Each structure stands twice: as structure tokens, then as C-alpha cells.
Amino acid sequence: MTGKASGRTAHAQRGLAQFLNSKNVVPYIFAAPFIVFFLIFFLYPILYTGQMSLFSQRGFAPPQFSGFFNYQQLNNDYFLTACKISAQYTLLTCLILIPVPLVLANMLNSGSVKQAGVMKSALFIPALTSVVMAGLFFRYAFSANQDAIFNAVMRFLGLPPQDWLAQQGTTMFVLVVFCCWKWMGVNVVYYYSALQSIPADLFESARIDGANAFKQFIYITIPSVRQTIIYVLTISIYGGFSMFAESFTLFNSARTPGDIGATVVSYIYSQGFNRNNFGLASAAGIVLLLIVLIINIIQLYFTKSFSKEV
């Protein structure tokens, strides 16, 4: 009996091994951690947030079904201003963080920059810096004090000092500078990795044909890294609309004076944690998800032809 039991066990183990090693099962085994993570930490929160957006709930009080009332409540000046500022911030950061890192990465890859390793490290170090610590530095560097770093620079240039964080235009300037300073190096690394995969023979052939550095950049570099450009654009759109920590640390609050630094995420934080209106905060979160999703679908549609170019 013992021998038969051992035989059955060995046979079951061989069957299990064959099942786990089959071509139809192995891909799902490797994808299982991502699928579980996606279901628990992404899909479930979205579905639960969508459910909460249909209920009126303040604090720990029992939720009451309210339909689309929370979405109707989003038609207010605070939320619309937050959407406008988030859109402006995203547009300005994309205009800088898409082309400029590509140019810098191309310079590093071409060997025209001395001490390229030091340059790459210097560009990437801000990405390793805590947003909170960097925000504190920027808050004091751009403070209204005449002896603050940037006001000292303004006085050196013969320009009047500014109360940087008290006006809409200068506040947006500080936020964009903050974002570009922190994430420029990350995008440079993305582009630099893509440039490393371009065969050197292409550039050599172009030089033999008389193409200068600018033409090589336009006709070889950009088409070769087009997929990376689209990826960087996609994550930049997401990062722009999800910006919160930068504004929060600059003003030490989610609600800024005159809403000059308001963002959609700060609106969600303010409604959810300051006013305990979780239903309205959930509705704002769903609207933010739809905004980012629609914009990315549109940009992916319009860049589809670009991505298929040779």
C-alpha cells in the first residue's frame, strides 16, 4: 500500500510539474503578481471610489445614496480653477520635459559633453531628493524676503523683488521650475537609454552623406526614439494632472490663498480630509481619472501615425 501511495504521489507531482511548465500556463504564472497587484491596488479602489461617488458621506456617518448629486456639486469655482491650473501646469511642464531632456540626452550620448558621467549624476540627483525637503527649499528660495535666493538674483539684475507665492503667474512659474528641476534627470535617463540602442552605423552613414548634427538629430535620433517620446509624454500628462505634493509643500496647505496653487488632487484632499466629504472627493477623483484617460487616448491616437513612421 505504501508503494502504491508513493507511486500515486510521484505521478501527481510529475503531472503538476508538467502542468506548471506547459506553455499555456507559464505566462500566467509570471503575470500573476502583476494581475493580483492590479486587481487589489488599482481596479478595486477605482470601483470602490466610483461607488462612493454616488453616495453622500461625511466622516463616519452612514452613507446615503445620492445618485449624481456629487458630480453636480463639482460645478463650482474651486474645482474649475483647480482643473484650469492643473491643465496649465501639465501643458507647460510637457513643453519643457519632452524636448529638453531629449536634447540633453543626445548631447551626452554624442560625446560632445566632457565629464558626461558627472553630468548624468548631477541631473539625476534631484529625482532622489524628497519632495518635502525640496519643497521646503523652494518655499524659502522663492519667499517674499528680499534676501531670499531668487529675490537676491532679481536685485542683482536690477529688477524689483517678487512675492513669488502670492500671484498666479509667479506661482505657476515656481511650480514649473520645481517640476522641471526634479524630473528632468529622469527623462534624460529614459531618452539616454533609448539612444544607446541606435546603431552607430546610421550616424556614420549620415555623416558620409553630408548630414550635419542637426539633420542627424531630426531624421535619425527623433524617429529612433519615437516610442520613448510617446511614453514620456504619457507619464508626463499623468504626472501633471496628479501633482499635489509640490503645491502642498510650497504653501503648507492643500487650500492655497486665492486658490493660486490649487490642483485637482489638492481639491480631492481638501474635500476628503479637511471637510470629510468623501462622496464629493470620490466624484472629483473619478472625473480626474476620466480627464487623464481621455487626454492620453487622444494623444495616443494622434501619435499613432508618428509611432509607425520608419
Protein backbone atom coordinates (compact mmCIF):
# COMPACT_ATOMS: atom_id res chain seq x y z
CA MET A 1 0.00 0.00 0.00
CA THR A 2 2.85 2.31 0.86
CA GLY A 3 4.46 1.69 -2.51
CA LYS A 4 1.20 2.42 -4.34
CA ALA A 5 0.71 5.64 -2.35
CA SER A 6 4.26 6.74 -3.14
CA GLY A 7 3.67 5.96 -6.81
CA ARG A 8 0.48 7.99 -6.86
CA THR A 9 2.27 10.89 -5.15
CA ALA A 10 5.14 10.81 -7.62
CA HIS A 11 2.71 10.64 -10.51
CA ALA A 12 0.77 13.62 -9.14
CA GLN A 13 4.00 15.59 -8.71
CA ARG A 14 5.04 14.85 -12.30
CA GLY A 15 1.58 15.85 -13.52
CA LEU A 16 1.74 19.10 -11.55
CA ALA A 17 5.24 19.84 -12.86
CA GLN A 18 4.12 19.24 -16.44
CA PHE A 19 1.09 21.48 -15.89
CA LEU A 20 3.15 24.32 -14.42
CA ASN A 21 5.75 24.05 -17.19
CA SER A 22 3.26 24.00 -20.05
CA LYS A 23 3.39 26.91 -22.49
CA ASN A 24 -0.24 27.77 -21.76
CA VAL A 25 0.30 28.14 -18.01
CA VAL A 26 3.78 29.63 -17.56
CA PRO A 27 2.88 33.11 -18.89
CA TYR A 28 0.02 33.37 -16.40
CA ILE A 29 2.29 32.32 -13.54
CA PHE A 30 4.75 35.11 -14.31
CA ALA A 31 1.93 37.60 -14.83
CA ALA A 32 0.09 36.57 -11.65
CA PRO A 33 1.90 39.03 -9.29
CA PHE A 34 1.05 41.96 -11.57
CA ILE A 35 -2.54 40.80 -12.01
CA VAL A 36 -3.04 40.45 -8.25
CA PHE A 37 -1.43 43.83 -7.61
CA PHE A 38 -3.57 45.43 -10.33
CA LEU A 39 -6.81 43.96 -9.00
CA ILE A 40 -6.17 44.82 -5.35
CA PHE A 41 -4.44 48.20 -5.56
CA PHE A 42 -5.85 49.65 -8.81
CA LEU A 43 -9.09 48.15 -10.07
CA TYR A 44 -10.75 47.63 -6.68
CA PRO A 45 -10.01 51.20 -5.45
CA ILE A 46 -11.38 52.62 -8.71
CA LEU A 47 -14.59 50.61 -8.44
CA TYR A 48 -14.99 51.44 -4.76
CA THR A 49 -14.34 55.15 -5.45
CA GLY A 50 -16.94 55.06 -8.22
CA GLN A 51 -19.40 53.55 -5.76
CA MET A 52 -18.61 56.16 -3.09
CA SER A 53 -19.11 58.98 -5.61
CA LEU A 54 -22.78 58.02 -5.82
CA PHE A 55 -23.30 58.37 -2.06
CA SER A 56 -23.31 61.32 0.29
CA GLN A 57 -20.98 60.54 3.16
CA ARG A 58 -19.35 62.81 5.70
CA GLY A 59 -16.88 61.32 8.12
CA PHE A 60 -18.02 58.03 9.62
CA ALA A 61 -21.72 58.74 9.17
CA PRO A 62 -23.68 56.07 7.27
CA PRO A 63 -23.59 56.77 3.51
CA GLN A 64 -26.81 57.70 1.75
CA PHE A 65 -27.39 57.17 -1.94
CA SER A 66 -27.47 60.50 -3.80
CA GLY A 67 -27.01 59.50 -7.43
CA PHE A 68 -25.11 62.05 -9.48
CA PHE A 69 -25.57 64.84 -6.93
CA ASN A 70 -21.84 64.89 -6.09
CA TYR A 71 -20.94 65.30 -9.75
CA GLN A 72 -23.35 68.24 -9.99
CA GLN A 73 -21.63 69.80 -6.98
CA LEU A 74 -18.33 69.82 -8.86
CA ASN A 75 -19.61 72.74 -10.91
CA ASN A 76 -18.01 75.29 -8.56
CA ASP A 77 -15.26 77.88 -8.87
CA TYR A 78 -12.78 75.99 -6.69
CA PHE A 79 -12.90 72.79 -8.73
CA LEU A 80 -12.97 74.56 -12.09
CA THR A 81 -9.98 76.69 -11.05
CA ALA A 82 -8.14 73.55 -9.93
CA CYS A 83 -8.81 71.91 -13.32
CA LYS A 84 -7.58 75.01 -15.15
CA ILE A 85 -4.38 75.26 -13.11
CA SER A 86 -3.69 71.51 -13.45
CA ALA A 87 -4.15 71.75 -17.23
CA GLN A 88 -1.84 74.78 -17.49
CA TYR A 89 0.76 73.10 -15.30
CA THR A 90 0.62 69.90 -17.35
CA LEU A 91 0.94 71.78 -20.64
CA LEU A 92 3.89 73.90 -19.51
CA THR A 93 5.79 71.00 -17.97
CA CYS A 94 5.24 68.85 -21.06
CA LEU A 95 6.54 71.63 -23.32
CA ILE A 96 9.77 71.56 -21.32
CA LEU A 97 10.15 67.99 -20.10
CA ILE A 98 9.59 66.37 -23.51
CA PRO A 99 12.11 68.14 -25.83
CA VAL A 100 14.75 69.50 -23.43
CA PRO A 101 15.73 66.13 -21.87
CA LEU A 102 15.95 64.66 -25.38
CA VAL A 103 18.43 67.36 -26.41
CA LEU A 104 20.46 66.86 -23.23
CA ALA A 105 20.47 63.07 -23.64
CA ASN A 106 21.57 63.44 -27.26
CA MET A 107 24.46 65.68 -26.18
CA LEU A 108 25.52 63.16 -23.53
CA ASN A 109 25.24 60.28 -25.98
CA SER A 110 27.19 62.04 -28.74
CA GLY A 111 30.23 62.50 -26.52
CA SER A 112 30.27 66.27 -27.00
CA VAL A 113 29.95 66.85 -23.24
CA LYS A 114 33.03 66.47 -21.08
CA GLN A 115 32.61 64.55 -17.82
CA ALA A 116 29.34 63.06 -19.08
CA GLY A 117 29.15 60.73 -16.07
CA VAL A 118 29.25 63.65 -13.65
CA MET A 119 26.63 65.47 -15.73
CA LYS A 120 24.28 62.48 -15.68
CA SER A 121 24.63 62.13 -11.92
CA ALA A 122 24.01 65.84 -11.39
CA LEU A 123 20.85 65.69 -13.49
CA PHE A 124 19.51 62.60 -11.72
CA ILE A 125 20.24 63.61 -8.11
CA PRO A 126 17.11 65.85 -7.82
CA ALA A 127 14.91 62.81 -8.56
CA LEU A 128 16.34 61.14 -5.44
CA THR A 129 15.55 64.16 -3.28
CA SER A 130 12.46 64.05 -1.09
CA VAL A 131 9.64 66.19 -2.47
CA VAL A 132 9.04 67.55 1.03
CA MET A 133 12.65 68.63 1.53
CA ALA A 134 12.84 70.08 -1.96
CA GLY A 135 9.53 71.89 -1.40
CA LEU A 136 10.85 73.47 1.79
CA PHE A 137 13.93 74.68 -0.06
CA PHE A 138 11.86 76.15 -2.90
CA ARG A 139 9.48 77.78 -0.42
CA TYR A 140 12.32 79.72 1.21
CA ALA A 141 14.26 80.27 -2.03
CA PHE A 142 11.17 81.88 -3.60
CA SER A 143 9.92 83.63 -0.48
CA ALA A 144 8.97 87.33 -0.42
CA ASN A 145 12.04 88.14 1.68
CA GLN A 146 14.36 90.46 -0.24
CA ASP A 147 17.35 88.37 0.87
CA ALA A 148 15.86 85.11 -0.47
CA ILE A 149 17.92 83.48 -3.19
CA PHE A 150 15.81 84.42 -6.19
CA ASN A 151 14.95 87.89 -4.94
CA ALA A 152 18.67 88.46 -4.43
CA VAL A 153 19.19 87.44 -8.04
CA MET A 154 16.41 89.83 -9.11
CA ARG A 155 18.07 92.71 -7.24
CA PHE A 156 21.42 91.81 -8.79
CA LEU A 157 19.82 92.08 -12.23
CA GLY A 158 18.30 95.42 -11.33
CA LEU A 159 14.75 94.06 -11.13
CA PRO A 160 12.30 94.52 -8.25
CA PRO A 161 11.88 91.63 -5.77
CA GLN A 162 8.77 89.48 -6.18
CA ASP A 163 6.32 87.92 -3.79
CA TRP A 164 6.58 84.71 -5.78
CA LEU A 165 3.94 82.67 -3.96
CA ALA A 166 1.28 85.39 -3.81
CA GLN A 167 0.49 85.80 -7.51
CA GLN A 168 -0.98 83.40 -10.08
CA GLY A 169 1.71 83.86 -12.73
CA THR A 170 4.75 83.68 -10.46
CA THR A 171 3.28 80.74 -8.53
CA MET A 172 2.88 78.78 -11.76
CA PHE A 173 6.47 79.69 -12.66
CA VAL A 174 7.73 78.32 -9.33
CA LEU A 175 5.71 75.11 -9.72
CA VAL A 176 7.02 74.53 -13.25
CA VAL A 177 10.62 75.21 -12.19
CA PHE A 178 10.17 72.84 -9.26
CA CYS A 179 8.82 70.07 -11.51
CA CYS A 180 11.46 70.50 -14.21
CA TRP A 181 14.27 70.59 -11.65
CA LYS A 182 13.09 67.35 -10.06
CA TRP A 183 12.12 65.26 -13.11
CA MET A 184 14.46 66.49 -15.83
CA GLY A 185 17.08 63.87 -14.98
CA VAL A 186 14.57 61.00 -15.04
CA ASN A 187 13.50 61.84 -18.58
CA VAL A 188 17.14 62.23 -19.60
CA VAL A 189 17.76 58.66 -18.41
CA TYR A 190 14.76 57.40 -20.43
CA TYR A 191 16.00 59.09 -23.59
CA TYR A 192 19.64 58.18 -23.00
CA SER A 193 18.74 54.50 -22.66
CA ALA A 194 16.80 54.68 -25.94
CA LEU A 195 19.68 56.45 -27.72
CA GLN A 196 22.06 53.68 -26.67
CA SER A 197 20.09 51.23 -28.82
CA ILE A 198 20.52 53.24 -32.05
CA PRO A 199 23.16 51.61 -34.29
CA ALA A 200 26.21 53.83 -34.73
CA ASP A 201 26.27 52.84 -38.42
CA LEU A 202 23.25 55.06 -39.05
CA PHE A 203 25.06 58.17 -37.88
CA GLU A 204 28.22 57.18 -39.73
CA SER A 205 26.32 56.72 -42.97
CA ALA A 206 24.57 60.06 -42.45
CA ARG A 207 27.90 61.83 -41.91
CA ILE A 208 29.29 60.29 -45.10
CA ASP A 209 26.23 61.55 -46.96
CA GLY A 210 26.93 65.05 -45.66
CA ALA A 211 24.24 65.29 -42.95
CA ASN A 212 25.18 67.68 -40.17
CA ALA A 213 24.41 67.14 -36.49
CA PHE A 214 21.04 68.89 -36.71
CA LYS A 215 19.82 66.74 -39.62
CA GLN A 216 21.03 63.61 -37.87
CA PHE A 217 19.02 64.62 -34.80
CA ILE A 218 15.87 65.32 -36.84
CA TYR A 219 15.97 62.39 -39.25
CA ILE A 220 17.68 59.67 -37.17
CA THR A 221 17.50 60.41 -33.45
CA ILE A 222 13.88 61.51 -33.14
CA PRO A 223 12.37 58.71 -35.31
CA SER A 224 14.50 56.13 -33.49
CA VAL A 225 13.26 57.15 -30.03
CA ARG A 226 9.65 57.87 -31.04
CA GLN A 227 8.25 55.18 -28.74
CA THR A 228 10.15 56.62 -25.78
CA ILE A 229 8.87 60.11 -26.63
CA ILE A 230 5.29 58.83 -26.56
CA TYR A 231 5.93 57.04 -23.25
CA VAL A 232 7.48 60.12 -21.65
CA LEU A 233 4.58 62.24 -22.91
CA THR A 234 2.06 59.79 -21.44
CA ILE A 235 3.62 59.70 -17.97
CA SER A 236 4.15 63.48 -18.06
CA ILE A 237 0.43 64.03 -18.66
CA TYR A 238 -0.39 61.71 -15.79
CA GLY A 239 2.21 63.35 -13.54
CA GLY A 240 0.99 66.84 -14.38
CA PHE A 241 -2.64 66.21 -13.50
CA SER A 242 -1.74 64.20 -10.39
CA MET A 243 0.56 66.89 -8.98
CA PHE A 244 -0.09 67.53 -5.29
CA ALA A 245 2.99 67.27 -3.08
CA GLU A 246 4.80 70.15 -4.78
CA SER A 247 1.95 72.59 -4.24
CA PHE A 248 1.23 71.31 -0.73
CA THR A 249 4.81 71.73 0.46
CA LEU A 250 5.18 75.19 -1.09
CA PHE A 251 2.09 76.51 0.70
CA ASN A 252 1.98 74.08 3.64
CA SER A 253 -1.69 73.56 2.88
CA ALA A 254 -3.98 71.97 0.32
CA ARG A 255 -6.03 75.19 0.07
CA THR A 256 -3.81 78.00 -1.19
CA PRO A 257 -4.56 81.75 -0.85
CA GLY A 258 -6.89 82.73 -3.67
CA ASP A 259 -6.57 79.14 -5.00
CA ILE A 260 -3.47 80.24 -6.96
CA GLY A 261 -1.83 76.86 -6.41
CA ALA A 262 -4.95 74.70 -6.47
CA THR A 263 -4.82 71.38 -8.29
CA VAL A 264 -7.41 68.67 -8.81
CA VAL A 265 -5.66 66.38 -6.33
CA SER A 266 -5.47 69.18 -3.73
CA TYR A 267 -9.21 69.65 -4.23
CA ILE A 268 -9.75 65.93 -3.58
CA TYR A 269 -7.55 66.11 -0.46
CA SER A 270 -9.31 69.22 0.81
CA GLN A 271 -12.80 67.76 0.36
CA GLY A 272 -11.92 64.33 1.70
CA PHE A 273 -9.68 65.10 4.68
CA ASN A 274 -10.40 68.71 5.58
CA ARG A 275 -14.18 68.68 5.07
CA ASN A 276 -14.78 64.93 5.43
CA ASN A 277 -16.91 64.97 2.30
CA PHE A 278 -15.77 61.64 0.90
CA GLY A 279 -18.58 61.41 -1.64
CA LEU A 280 -17.60 64.69 -3.32
CA ALA A 281 -13.90 63.80 -3.13
CA SER A 282 -14.62 60.45 -4.80
CA ALA A 283 -16.58 62.14 -7.58
CA ALA A 284 -13.65 64.51 -8.18
CA GLY A 285 -11.30 61.51 -8.31
CA ILE A 286 -13.43 59.78 -10.95
CA VAL A 287 -13.56 62.98 -13.01
CA LEU A 288 -9.76 63.29 -12.76
CA LEU A 289 -9.38 59.68 -13.92
CA LEU A 290 -11.62 60.36 -16.92
CA ILE A 291 -9.77 63.57 -17.81
CA VAL A 292 -6.37 61.87 -17.80
CA LEU A 293 -7.72 58.82 -19.62
CA ILE A 294 -9.38 60.88 -22.36
CA ILE A 295 -6.35 63.13 -22.89
CA ASN A 296 -3.99 60.16 -23.10
CA ILE A 297 -6.30 58.32 -25.52
CA ILE A 298 -6.41 61.43 -27.72
CA GLN A 299 -2.65 61.91 -27.68
CA LEU A 300 -2.04 58.21 -28.36
CA TYR A 301 -4.46 58.40 -31.29
CA PHE A 302 -2.72 61.41 -32.81
CA THR A 303 0.75 59.95 -32.23
CA LYS A 304 -0.18 56.60 -33.73
CA SER A 305 0.88 57.62 -37.22
CA PHE A 306 4.05 59.11 -35.76
CA SER A 307 4.83 55.85 -33.97
CA LYS A 308 4.52 53.89 -37.23
CA GLU A 309 6.98 56.02 -39.15
CA VAL A 310 10.19 54.35 -40.18
